[in-house]
PDB file of N, CA and C in Angstrom:
ATOM      1  N   MET A   1       0.848  -1.174   0.000  1.00  0.00           N
ATOM      2  CA  MET A   1       0.000   0.000   0.000  1.00  0.00           C
ATOM      3  C   MET A   1       0.891   1.234   0.000  1.00  0.00           C
ATOM      4  N   ASP A   2       0.568   2.203  -0.853  1.00  0.00           N
ATOM      5  CA  ASP A   2       1.363   3.410  -1.009  1.00  0.00           C
ATOM      6  C   ASP A   2       0.827   4.495  -0.085  1.00  0.00           C
ATOM      7  N   ASP A   3       1.654   4.979   0.837  1.00  0.00           N
ATOM      8  CA  ASP A   3       1.248   6.046   1.744  1.00  0.00           C
ATOM      9  C   ASP A   3       1.893   7.377   1.389  1.00  0.00           C
ATOM     10  N   ALA A   4       2.409   7.511   0.167  1.00  0.00           N
ATOM     11  CA  ALA A   4       2.970   8.786  -0.259  1.00  0.00           C
ATOM     12  C   ALA A   4       1.863   9.830  -0.287  1.00  0.00           C
ATOM     13  N   PRO A   5       2.172  11.080   0.094  1.00  0.00           N
ATOM     14  CA  PRO A   5       1.135  12.115   0.088  1.00  0.00           C
ATOM     15  C   PRO A   5       0.418  12.246  -1.250  1.00  0.00           C
ATOM     16  N   GLU A   6       1.138  12.031  -2.344  1.00  0.00           N
ATOM     17  CA  GLU A   6       0.531  12.171  -3.664  1.00  0.00           C
ATOM     18  C   GLU A   6      -0.597  11.163  -3.887  1.00  0.00           C
ATOM     19  N   SER A   7      -0.525   9.996  -3.263  1.00  0.00           N
ATOM     20  CA  SER A   7      -1.570   8.989  -3.453  1.00  0.00           C
ATOM     21  C   SER A   7      -2.607   9.021  -2.334  1.00  0.00           C
ATOM     22  N   ARG A   8      -2.290   9.649  -1.234  1.00  0.00           N
ATOM     23  CA  ARG A   8      -3.151   9.651  -0.060  1.00  0.00           C
ATOM     24  C   ARG A   8      -4.110  10.835  -0.032  1.00  0.00           C
ATOM     25  N   ILE A   9      -3.673  11.992  -0.542  1.00  0.00           N
ATOM     26  CA  ILE A   9      -4.426  13.232  -0.448  1.00  0.00           C
ATOM     27  C   ILE A   9      -4.623  13.816  -1.836  1.00  0.00           C
ATOM     28  N   THR A  10      -5.857  14.247  -2.127  1.00  0.00           N
ATOM     29  CA  THR A  10      -6.129  14.961  -3.365  1.00  0.00           C
ATOM     30  C   THR A  10      -6.932  16.215  -3.048  1.00  0.00           C
ATOM     31  N   LEU A  11      -6.716  17.257  -3.847  1.00  0.00           N
ATOM     32  CA  LEU A  11      -7.431  18.519  -3.698  1.00  0.00           C
ATOM     33  C   LEU A  11      -8.397  18.690  -4.855  1.00  0.00           C
ATOM     34  N   HIS A  12      -9.590  19.215  -4.535  1.00  0.00           N
ATOM     35  CA  HIS A  12     -10.639  19.378  -5.529  1.00  0.00           C
ATOM     36  C   HIS A  12     -11.292  20.748  -5.370  1.00  0.00           C
ATOM     37  N   PRO A  13     -10.731  21.793  -6.029  1.00  0.00           N
ATOM     38  CA  PRO A  13     -11.369  23.107  -5.978  1.00  0.00           C
ATOM     39  C   PRO A  13     -12.762  23.028  -6.610  1.00  0.00           C
ATOM     40  N   HIS A  14     -13.680  23.831  -6.111  1.00  0.00           N
ATOM     41  CA  HIS A  14     -15.024  23.851  -6.676  1.00  0.00           C
ATOM     42  C   HIS A  14     -15.645  25.218  -6.446  1.00  0.00           C
ATOM     43  N   SER A  15     -16.783  25.468  -7.069  1.00  0.00           N
ATOM     44  CA  SER A  15     -17.446  26.771  -6.927  1.00  0.00           C
ATOM     45  C   SER A  15     -18.782  26.663  -6.196  1.00  0.00           C
ATOM     46  N   ARG A  16     -19.072  25.507  -5.589  1.00  0.00           N
ATOM     47  CA  ARG A  16     -20.290  25.386  -4.785  1.00  0.00           C
ATOM     48  C   ARG A  16     -20.198  26.323  -3.587  1.00  0.00           C
ATOM     49  N   ARG A  17     -21.320  26.834  -3.169  1.00  0.00           N
ATOM     50  CA  ARG A  17     -21.324  27.711  -1.999  1.00  0.00           C
ATOM     51  C   ARG A  17     -21.161  26.878  -0.737  1.00  0.00           C
ATOM     52  N   VAL A  18     -20.233  27.278   0.108  1.00  0.00           N
ATOM     53  CA  VAL A  18     -19.990  26.630   1.385  1.00  0.00           C
ATOM     54  C   VAL A  18     -20.154  27.697   2.466  1.00  0.00           C
ATOM     55  N   GLN A  19     -20.975  27.398   3.455  1.00  0.00           N
ATOM     56  CA  GLN A  19     -21.189  28.310   4.571  1.00  0.00           C
ATOM     57  C   GLN A  19     -20.901  27.580   5.877  1.00  0.00           C
ATOM     58  N   VAL A  20     -20.460  28.344   6.857  1.00  0.00           N
ATOM     59  CA  VAL A  20     -20.260  27.817   8.198  1.00  0.00           C
ATOM     60  C   VAL A  20     -21.054  28.708   9.145  1.00  0.00           C
ATOM     61  N   VAL A  21     -22.009  28.094   9.858  1.00  0.00           N
ATOM     62  CA  VAL A  21     -22.840  28.815  10.814  1.00  0.00           C
ATOM     63  C   VAL A  21     -22.799  28.054  12.134  1.00  0.00           C
ATOM     64  N   ILE A  22     -22.401  28.755  13.194  1.00  0.00           N
ATOM     65  CA  ILE A  22     -22.343  28.173  14.532  1.00  0.00           C
ATOM     66  C   ILE A  22     -23.194  29.040  15.445  1.00  0.00           C
ATOM     67  N   ASP A  23     -24.111  28.426  16.142  1.00  0.00           N
ATOM     68  CA  ASP A  23     -24.988  29.152  17.077  1.00  0.00           C
ATOM     69  C   ASP A  23     -25.648  30.359  16.421  1.00  0.00           C
ATOM     70  N   GLY A  24     -26.039  30.217  15.154  1.00  0.00           N
ATOM     71  CA  GLY A  24     -26.723  31.288  14.437  1.00  0.00           C
ATOM     72  C   GLY A  24     -25.821  32.372  13.885  1.00  0.00           C
ATOM     73  N   THR A  25     -24.509  32.259  14.087  1.00  0.00           N
ATOM     74  CA  THR A  25     -23.562  33.249  13.587  1.00  0.00           C
ATOM     75  C   THR A  25     -22.821  32.691  12.380  1.00  0.00           C
ATOM     76  N   GLU A  26     -22.865  33.423  11.279  1.00  0.00           N
ATOM     77  CA  GLU A  26     -22.148  32.990  10.084  1.00  0.00           C
ATOM     78  C   GLU A  26     -20.659  33.295  10.254  1.00  0.00           C
ATOM     79  N   LEU A  27     -19.850  32.255  10.220  1.00  0.00           N
ATOM     80  CA  LEU A  27     -18.407  32.401  10.359  1.00  0.00           C
ATOM     81  C   LEU A  27     -17.681  32.381   9.022  1.00  0.00           C
ATOM     82  N   ALA A  28     -18.303  31.791   8.006  1.00  0.00           N
ATOM     83  CA  ALA A  28     -17.669  31.727   6.691  1.00  0.00           C
ATOM     84  C   ALA A  28     -18.727  31.581   5.615  1.00  0.00           C
ATOM     85  N   ASP A  29     -18.410  32.138   4.446  1.00  0.00           N
ATOM     86  CA  ASP A  29     -19.281  32.037   3.271  1.00  0.00           C
ATOM     87  C   ASP A  29     -18.385  32.164   2.053  1.00  0.00           C
ATOM     88  N   THR A  30     -18.348  31.135   1.227  1.00  0.00           N
ATOM     89  CA  THR A  30     -17.428  31.139   0.097  1.00  0.00           C
ATOM     90  C   THR A  30     -17.958  30.333  -1.079  1.00  0.00           C
ATOM     91  N   THR A  31     -17.454  30.659  -2.246  1.00  0.00           N
ATOM     92  CA  THR A  31     -17.615  29.819  -3.445  1.00  0.00           C
ATOM     93  C   THR A  31     -16.224  29.443  -3.959  1.00  0.00           C
ATOM     94  N   ARG A  32     -15.228  29.548  -3.072  1.00  0.00           N
ATOM     95  CA  ARG A  32     -13.841  29.261  -3.450  1.00  0.00           C
ATOM     96  C   ARG A  32     -13.202  28.180  -2.588  1.00  0.00           C
ATOM     97  N   ALA A  33     -14.013  27.320  -2.006  1.00  0.00           N
ATOM     98  CA  ALA A  33     -13.475  26.271  -1.134  1.00  0.00           C
ATOM     99  C   ALA A  33     -12.690  25.237  -1.948  1.00  0.00           C
ATOM    100  N   ILE A  34     -11.775  24.589  -1.255  1.00  0.00           N
ATOM    101  CA  ILE A  34     -11.024  23.473  -1.821  1.00  0.00           C
ATOM    102  C   ILE A  34     -11.362  22.249  -0.983  1.00  0.00           C
ATOM    103  N   GLU A  35     -11.903  21.228  -1.638  1.00  0.00           N
ATOM    104  CA  GLU A  35     -12.208  19.997  -0.909  1.00  0.00           C
ATOM    105  C   GLU A  35     -10.965  19.124  -0.873  1.00  0.00           C
ATOM    106  N   LEU A  36     -10.522  18.795   0.338  1.00  0.00           N
ATOM    107  CA  LEU A  36      -9.386  17.907   0.521  1.00  0.00           C
ATOM    108  C   LEU A  36      -9.933  16.525   0.833  1.00  0.00           C
ATOM    109  N   ARG A  37      -9.509  15.575   0.049  1.00  0.00           N
ATOM    110  CA  ARG A  37      -9.902  14.180   0.276  1.00  0.00           C
ATOM    111  C   ARG A  37      -8.661  13.405   0.669  1.00  0.00           C
ATOM    112  N   GLU A  38      -8.749  12.800   1.840  1.00  0.00           N
ATOM    113  CA  GLU A  38      -7.640  12.015   2.372  1.00  0.00           C
ATOM    114  C   GLU A  38      -8.145  10.627   2.691  1.00  0.00           C
ATOM    115  N   ARG A  39      -7.443   9.648   2.176  1.00  0.00           N
ATOM    116  CA  ARG A  39      -7.844   8.258   2.376  1.00  0.00           C
ATOM    117  C   ARG A  39      -8.053   7.971   3.861  1.00  0.00           C
ATOM    118  N   GLY A  40      -9.229   7.432   4.201  1.00  0.00           N
ATOM    119  CA  GLY A  40      -9.533   7.067   5.568  1.00  0.00           C
ATOM    120  C   GLY A  40     -10.219   8.155   6.376  1.00  0.00           C
ATOM    121  N   TYR A  41     -10.438   9.347   5.784  1.00  0.00           N
ATOM    122  CA  TYR A  41     -11.064  10.464   6.487  1.00  0.00           C
ATOM    123  C   TYR A  41     -12.188  11.043   5.631  1.00  0.00           C
ATOM    124  N   PRO A  42     -13.146  11.719   6.268  1.00  0.00           N
ATOM    125  CA  PRO A  42     -14.194  12.362   5.473  1.00  0.00           C
ATOM    126  C   PRO A  42     -13.621  13.556   4.703  1.00  0.00           C
ATOM    127  N   PRO A  43     -14.204  13.897   3.556  1.00  0.00           N
ATOM    128  CA  PRO A  43     -13.749  15.094   2.829  1.00  0.00           C
ATOM    129  C   PRO A  43     -13.913  16.335   3.701  1.00  0.00           C
ATOM    130  N   ARG A  44     -12.992  17.271   3.560  1.00  0.00           N
ATOM    131  CA  ARG A  44     -13.022  18.518   4.328  1.00  0.00           C
ATOM    132  C   ARG A  44     -12.968  19.703   3.371  1.00  0.00           C
ATOM    133  N   GLN A  45     -13.740  20.743   3.701  1.00  0.00           N
ATOM    134  CA  GLN A  45     -13.776  21.956   2.895  1.00  0.00           C
ATOM    135  C   GLN A  45     -12.803  22.982   3.484  1.00  0.00           C
ATOM    136  N   TYR A  46     -11.754  23.309   2.745  1.00  0.00           N
ATOM    137  CA  TYR A  46     -10.782  24.313   3.161  1.00  0.00           C
ATOM    138  C   TYR A  46     -11.209  25.651   2.572  1.00  0.00           C
ATOM    139  N   ILE A  47     -11.405  26.635   3.455  1.00  0.00           N
ATOM    140  CA  ILE A  47     -11.991  27.920   3.078  1.00  0.00           C
ATOM    141  C   ILE A  47     -10.929  29.015   3.179  1.00  0.00           C
ATOM    142  N   PRO A  48     -10.765  29.823   2.107  1.00  0.00           N
ATOM    143  CA  PRO A  48      -9.789  30.922   2.170  1.00  0.00           C
ATOM    144  C   PRO A  48     -10.103  31.874   3.333  1.00  0.00           C
ATOM    145  N   ARG A  49      -9.059  32.345   4.003  1.00  0.00           N
ATOM    146  CA  ARG A  49      -9.249  33.245   5.149  1.00  0.00           C
ATOM    147  C   ARG A  49     -10.038  34.499   4.782  1.00  0.00           C
ATOM    148  N   ASP A  50      -9.889  34.970   3.549  1.00  0.00           N
ATOM    149  CA  ASP A  50     -10.639  36.164   3.128  1.00  0.00           C
ATOM    150  C   ASP A  50     -12.141  35.950   3.204  1.00  0.00           C
ATOM    151  N   ASP A  51     -12.585  34.704   3.222  1.00  0.00           N
ATOM    152  CA  ASP A  51     -14.011  34.380   3.264  1.00  0.00           C
ATOM    153  C   ASP A  51     -14.459  33.896   4.640  1.00  0.00           C
ATOM    154  N   VAL A  52     -13.595  34.063   5.637  1.00  0.00           N
ATOM    155  CA  VAL A  52     -13.877  33.653   7.016  1.00  0.00           C
ATOM    156  C   VAL A  52     -13.896  34.898   7.896  1.00  0.00           C
ATOM    157  N   ARG A  53     -14.830  34.959   8.815  1.00  0.00           N
ATOM    158  CA  ARG A  53     -14.895  36.068   9.777  1.00  0.00           C
ATOM    159  C   ARG A  53     -13.824  35.856  10.847  1.00  0.00           C
ATOM    160  N   MET A  54     -12.578  36.132  10.477  1.00  0.00           N
ATOM    161  CA  MET A  54     -11.453  35.936  11.385  1.00  0.00           C
ATOM    162  C   MET A  54     -11.577  36.817  12.622  1.00  0.00           C
ATOM    163  N   ASP A  55     -12.308  37.939  12.507  1.00  0.00           N
ATOM    164  CA  ASP A  55     -12.491  38.831  13.651  1.00  0.00           C
ATOM    165  C   ASP A  55     -13.319  38.189  14.760  1.00  0.00           C
ATOM    166  N   LEU A  56     -14.043  37.104  14.432  1.00  0.00           N
ATOM    167  CA  LEU A  56     -14.863  36.411  15.422  1.00  0.00           C
ATOM    168  C   LEU A  56     -14.152  35.201  16.034  1.00  0.00           C
ATOM    169  N   LEU A  57     -13.011  34.831  15.469  1.00  0.00           N
ATOM    170  CA  LEU A  57     -12.271  33.661  15.943  1.00  0.00           C
ATOM    171  C   LEU A  57     -11.077  34.093  16.787  1.00  0.00           C
ATOM    172  N   THR A  58     -10.707  33.253  17.721  1.00  0.00           N
ATOM    173  CA  THR A  58      -9.507  33.500  18.516  1.00  0.00           C
ATOM    174  C   THR A  58      -8.522  32.351  18.302  1.00  0.00           C
ATOM    175  N   SER A  59      -7.258  32.694  18.239  1.00  0.00           N
ATOM    176  CA  SER A  59      -6.219  31.674  18.088  1.00  0.00           C
ATOM    177  C   SER A  59      -6.141  30.850  19.361  1.00  0.00           C
ATOM    178  N   SER A  60      -5.891  29.589  19.182  1.00  0.00           N
ATOM    179  CA  SER A  60      -5.759  28.656  20.284  1.00  0.00           C
ATOM    180  C   SER A  60      -4.284  28.324  20.469  1.00  0.00           C
ATOM    181  N   ASP A  61      -3.938  27.802  21.623  1.00  0.00           N
ATOM    182  CA  ASP A  61      -2.573  27.315  21.854  1.00  0.00           C
ATOM    183  C   ASP A  61      -2.369  25.916  21.281  1.00  0.00           C
ATOM    184  N   THR A  62      -3.454  25.292  20.834  1.00  0.00           N
ATOM    185  CA  THR A  62      -3.370  23.927  20.323  1.00  0.00           C
ATOM    186  C   THR A  62      -2.634  23.877  18.989  1.00  0.00           C
ATOM    187  N   VAL A  63      -1.715  22.953  18.869  1.00  0.00           N
ATOM    188  CA  VAL A  63      -1.001  22.673  17.624  1.00  0.00           C
ATOM    189  C   VAL A  63      -0.922  21.157  17.491  1.00  0.00           C
ATOM    190  N   THR A  64      -1.244  20.658  16.318  1.00  0.00           N
ATOM    191  CA  THR A  64      -1.087  19.223  16.060  1.00  0.00           C
ATOM    192  C   THR A  64      -0.202  19.045  14.829  1.00  0.00           C
ATOM    193  N   HIS A  65       0.308  17.851  14.669  1.00  0.00           N
ATOM    194  CA  HIS A  65       1.165  17.564  13.523  1.00  0.00           C
ATOM    195  C   HIS A  65       0.605  16.382  12.743  1.00  0.00           C
ATOM    196  N   CYS A  66       0.531  16.554  11.438  1.00  0.00           N
ATOM    197  CA  CYS A  66       0.146  15.479  10.524  1.00  0.00           C
ATOM    198  C   CYS A  66       1.352  15.177   9.638  1.00  0.00           C
ATOM    199  N   LEU A  67       1.695  13.929   9.542  1.00  0.00           N
ATOM    200  CA  LEU A  67       2.832  13.515   8.735  1.00  0.00           C
ATOM    201  C   LEU A  67       2.701  13.988   7.280  1.00  0.00           C
ATOM    202  N   PHE A  68       1.460  14.082   6.784  1.00  0.00           N
ATOM    203  CA  PHE A  68       1.228  14.395   5.375  1.00  0.00           C
ATOM    204  C   PHE A  68       0.896  15.854   5.107  1.00  0.00           C
ATOM    205  N   LYS A  69       0.439  16.585   6.146  1.00  0.00           N
ATOM    206  CA  LYS A  69       0.016  17.968   5.939  1.00  0.00           C
ATOM    207  C   LYS A  69       0.821  18.981   6.748  1.00  0.00           C
ATOM    208  N   GLY A  70       1.576  18.550   7.727  1.00  0.00           N
ATOM    209  CA  GLY A  70       2.388  19.469   8.512  1.00  0.00           C
ATOM    210  C   GLY A  70       1.733  19.848   9.831  1.00  0.00           C
ATOM    211  N   ASP A  71       2.090  21.028  10.349  1.00  0.00           N
ATOM    212  CA  ASP A  71       1.577  21.506  11.630  1.00  0.00           C
ATOM    213  C   ASP A  71       0.289  22.298  11.423  1.00  0.00           C
ATOM    214  N   ALA A  72      -0.700  21.999  12.240  1.00  0.00           N
ATOM    215  CA  ALA A  72      -1.980  22.704  12.193  1.00  0.00           C
ATOM    216  C   ALA A  72      -2.112  23.601  13.406  1.00  0.00           C
ATOM    217  N   SER A  73      -2.554  24.831  13.168  1.00  0.00           N
ATOM    218  CA  SER A  73      -2.906  25.737  14.260  1.00  0.00           C
ATOM    219  C   SER A  73      -4.429  25.788  14.343  1.00  0.00           C
ATOM    220  N   TYR A  74      -4.955  26.067  15.528  1.00  0.00           N
ATOM    221  CA  TYR A  74      -6.393  25.961  15.776  1.00  0.00           C
ATOM    222  C   TYR A  74      -7.008  27.294  16.181  1.00  0.00           C
ATOM    223  N   PHE A  75      -8.323  27.377  15.986  1.00  0.00           N
ATOM    224  CA  PHE A  75      -9.086  28.576  16.290  1.00  0.00           C
ATOM    225  C   PHE A  75     -10.360  28.195  17.030  1.00  0.00           C
ATOM    226  N   SER A  76     -10.778  29.094  17.911  1.00  0.00           N
ATOM    227  CA  SER A  76     -11.986  28.868  18.705  1.00  0.00           C
ATOM    228  C   SER A  76     -12.989  29.980  18.431  1.00  0.00           C
ATOM    229  N   PHE A  77     -14.250  29.685  18.748  1.00  0.00           N
ATOM    230  CA  PHE A  77     -15.332  30.662  18.642  1.00  0.00           C
ATOM    231  C   PHE A  77     -16.176  30.553  19.897  1.00  0.00           C
ATOM    232  N   ARG A  78     -16.159  31.623  20.665  1.00  0.00           N
ATOM    233  CA  ARG A  78     -16.865  31.630  21.950  1.00  0.00           C
ATOM    234  C   ARG A  78     -16.464  30.399  22.760  1.00  0.00           C
ATOM    235  N   GLU A  79     -17.439  29.606  23.213  1.00  0.00           N
ATOM    236  CA  GLU A  79     -17.106  28.432  24.030  1.00  0.00           C
ATOM    237  C   GLU A  79     -16.707  27.218  23.190  1.00  0.00           C
ATOM    238  N   HIS A  80     -16.707  27.349  21.890  1.00  0.00           N
ATOM    239  CA  HIS A  80     -16.376  26.233  20.989  1.00  0.00           C
ATOM    240  C   HIS A  80     -14.864  26.218  20.734  1.00  0.00           C
ATOM    241  N   LYS A  81     -14.163  25.484  21.584  1.00  0.00           N
ATOM    242  CA  LYS A  81     -12.701  25.441  21.510  1.00  0.00           C
ATOM    243  C   LYS A  81     -12.240  24.592  20.329  1.00  0.00           C
ATOM    244  N   ASP A  82     -11.259  25.122  19.625  1.00  0.00           N
ATOM    245  CA  ASP A  82     -10.597  24.382  18.532  1.00  0.00           C
ATOM    246  C   ASP A  82     -11.580  23.869  17.482  1.00  0.00           C
ATOM    247  N   LEU A  83     -12.509  24.696  17.049  1.00  0.00           N
ATOM    248  CA  LEU A  83     -13.494  24.228  16.075  1.00  0.00           C
ATOM    249  C   LEU A  83     -13.022  24.363  14.634  1.00  0.00           C
ATOM    250  N   ALA A  84     -11.884  25.045  14.435  1.00  0.00           N
ATOM    251  CA  ALA A  84     -11.320  25.178  13.084  1.00  0.00           C
ATOM    252  C   ALA A  84      -9.810  25.045  13.166  1.00  0.00           C
ATOM    253  N   TRP A  85      -9.218  24.642  12.055  1.00  0.00           N
ATOM    254  CA  TRP A  85      -7.760  24.549  12.016  1.00  0.00           C
ATOM    255  C   TRP A  85      -7.252  24.970  10.653  1.00  0.00           C
ATOM    256  N   SER A  86      -5.940  25.198  10.592  1.00  0.00           N
ATOM    257  CA  SER A  86      -5.309  25.680   9.370  1.00  0.00           C
ATOM    258  C   SER A  86      -3.878  25.173   9.305  1.00  0.00           C
ATOM    259  N   TYR A  87      -3.451  24.845   8.099  1.00  0.00           N
ATOM    260  CA  TYR A  87      -2.055  24.489   7.853  1.00  0.00           C
ATOM    261  C   TYR A  87      -1.413  25.676   7.137  1.00  0.00           C
ATOM    262  N   ASP A  88      -0.512  26.370   7.818  1.00  0.00           N
ATOM    263  CA  ASP A  88       0.097  27.554   7.213  1.00  0.00           C
ATOM    264  C   ASP A  88       1.226  27.215   6.255  1.00  0.00           C
ATOM    265  N   GLN A  89       1.877  26.068   6.459  1.00  0.00           N
ATOM    266  CA  GLN A  89       2.994  25.674   5.601  1.00  0.00           C
ATOM    267  C   GLN A  89       2.882  24.194   5.218  1.00  0.00           C
ATOM    268  N   PRO A  90       1.838  23.845   4.458  1.00  0.00           N
ATOM    269  CA  PRO A  90       1.708  22.444   4.044  1.00  0.00           C
ATOM    270  C   PRO A  90       2.755  22.103   2.980  1.00  0.00           C
ATOM    271  N   PRO A  91       2.953  20.829   2.717  1.00  0.00           N
ATOM    272  CA  PRO A  91       3.888  20.431   1.663  1.00  0.00           C
ATOM    273  C   PRO A  91       3.463  21.012   0.310  1.00  0.00           C
ATOM    274  N   GLU A  92       4.418  21.132  -0.565  1.00  0.00           N
ATOM    275  CA  GLU A  92       4.185  21.743  -1.873  1.00  0.00           C
ATOM    276  C   GLU A  92       3.048  21.080  -2.654  1.00  0.00           C
ATOM    277  N   ASN A  93       2.925  19.761  -2.559  1.00  0.00           N
ATOM    278  CA  ASN A  93       1.907  19.062  -3.357  1.00  0.00           C
ATOM    279  C   ASN A  93       0.473  19.423  -2.947  1.00  0.00           C
ATOM    280  N   ILE A  94       0.294  20.011  -1.752  1.00  0.00           N
ATOM    281  CA  ILE A  94      -1.036  20.466  -1.329  1.00  0.00           C
ATOM    282  C   ILE A  94      -0.967  21.926  -0.875  1.00  0.00           C
ATOM    283  N   GLY A  95      -0.043  22.670  -1.451  1.00  0.00           N
ATOM    284  CA  GLY A  95       0.189  24.056  -1.063  1.00  0.00           C
ATOM    285  C   GLY A  95      -1.015  24.970  -1.209  1.00  0.00           C
ATOM    286  N   ASP A  96      -1.983  24.590  -2.029  1.00  0.00           N
ATOM    287  CA  ASP A  96      -3.166  25.436  -2.224  1.00  0.00           C
ATOM    288  C   ASP A  96      -4.001  25.597  -0.957  1.00  0.00           C
ATOM    289  N   ILE A  97      -3.833  24.725   0.030  1.00  0.00           N
ATOM    290  CA  ILE A  97      -4.618  24.863   1.267  1.00  0.00           C
ATOM    291  C   ILE A  97      -3.927  25.760   2.296  1.00  0.00           C
ATOM    292  N   ALA A  98      -2.736  26.256   1.981  1.00  0.00           N
ATOM    293  CA  ALA A  98      -1.985  27.084   2.936  1.00  0.00           C
ATOM    294  C   ALA A  98      -2.841  28.250   3.413  1.00  0.00           C
ATOM    295  N   GLY A  99      -2.988  28.361   4.732  1.00  0.00           N
ATOM    296  CA  GLY A  99      -3.725  29.466   5.322  1.00  0.00           C
ATOM    297  C   GLY A  99      -5.235  29.335   5.288  1.00  0.00           C
ATOM    298  N   CYS A 100      -5.764  28.372   4.582  1.00  0.00           N
ATOM    299  CA  CYS A 100      -7.214  28.164   4.547  1.00  0.00           C
ATOM    300  C   CYS A 100      -7.672  27.529   5.858  1.00  0.00           C
ATOM    301  N   LEU A 101      -8.918  27.776   6.221  1.00  0.00           N
ATOM    302  CA  LEU A 101      -9.464  27.177   7.445  1.00  0.00           C
ATOM    303  C   LEU A 101     -10.437  26.062   7.103  1.00  0.00           C
ATOM    304  N   VAL A 102     -10.441  25.046   7.934  1.00  0.00           N
ATOM    305  CA  VAL A 102     -11.403  23.958   7.841  1.00  0.00           C
ATOM    306  C   VAL A 102     -12.074  23.843   9.206  1.00  0.00           C
ATOM    307  N   PHE A 103     -13.393  23.618   9.187  1.00  0.00           N
ATOM    308  CA  PHE A 103     -14.186  23.592  10.408  1.00  0.00           C
ATOM    309  C   PHE A 103     -14.666  22.180  10.706  1.00  0.00           C
ATOM    310  N   TYR A 104     -14.714  21.844  12.009  1.00  0.00           N
ATOM    311  CA  TYR A 104     -15.238  20.555  12.444  1.00  0.00           C
ATOM    312  C   TYR A 104     -16.735  20.450  12.228  1.00  0.00           C
ATOM    313  N   ARG A 105     -17.453  21.569  12.406  1.00  0.00           N
ATOM    314  CA  ARG A 105     -18.906  21.511  12.332  1.00  0.00           C
ATOM    315  C   ARG A 105     -19.438  22.835  11.831  1.00  0.00           C
ATOM    316  N   GLY A 106     -20.739  22.875  11.542  1.00  0.00           N
ATOM    317  CA  GLY A 106     -21.386  24.088  11.094  1.00  0.00           C
ATOM    318  C   GLY A 106     -21.311  24.311   9.597  1.00  0.00           C
ATOM    319  N   VAL A 107     -20.744  23.349   8.863  1.00  0.00           N
ATOM    320  CA  VAL A 107     -20.534  23.506   7.418  1.00  0.00           C
ATOM    321  C   VAL A 107     -21.769  23.010   6.665  1.00  0.00           C
ATOM    322  N   SER A 108     -22.230  23.835   5.730  1.00  0.00           N
ATOM    323  CA  SER A 108     -23.301  23.398   4.827  1.00  0.00           C
ATOM    324  C   SER A 108     -22.933  23.815   3.412  1.00  0.00           C
ATOM    325  N   GLU A 109     -23.374  22.994   2.473  1.00  0.00           N
ATOM    326  CA  GLU A 109     -23.144  23.284   1.057  1.00  0.00           C
ATOM    327  C   GLU A 109     -24.474  23.405   0.360  1.00  0.00           C
TER     328      GLU A 109
END
């Protein structure tokens, strides 16, 4: 079985509208999301920061590491700790997700 990032992860830009609403507050609205598909995980919508209400999010001290995507930094909204994350320096083969945010919940298409 090949676990190289090139075979494990694929990016799929699309123009479908993606919104993130938590507790009635819209945190993101975009038609520029990139769907990341990683073998063994559900697809995730990576949203450009320009389309995220960053003024409503606070940076978290949480950092995790993924062998295939690098270090992730996390963001919270009110009492919802670490509900979004971002890879600021992903590997070149998935560089298009750099700085984009992905949310655990509240996403609708």
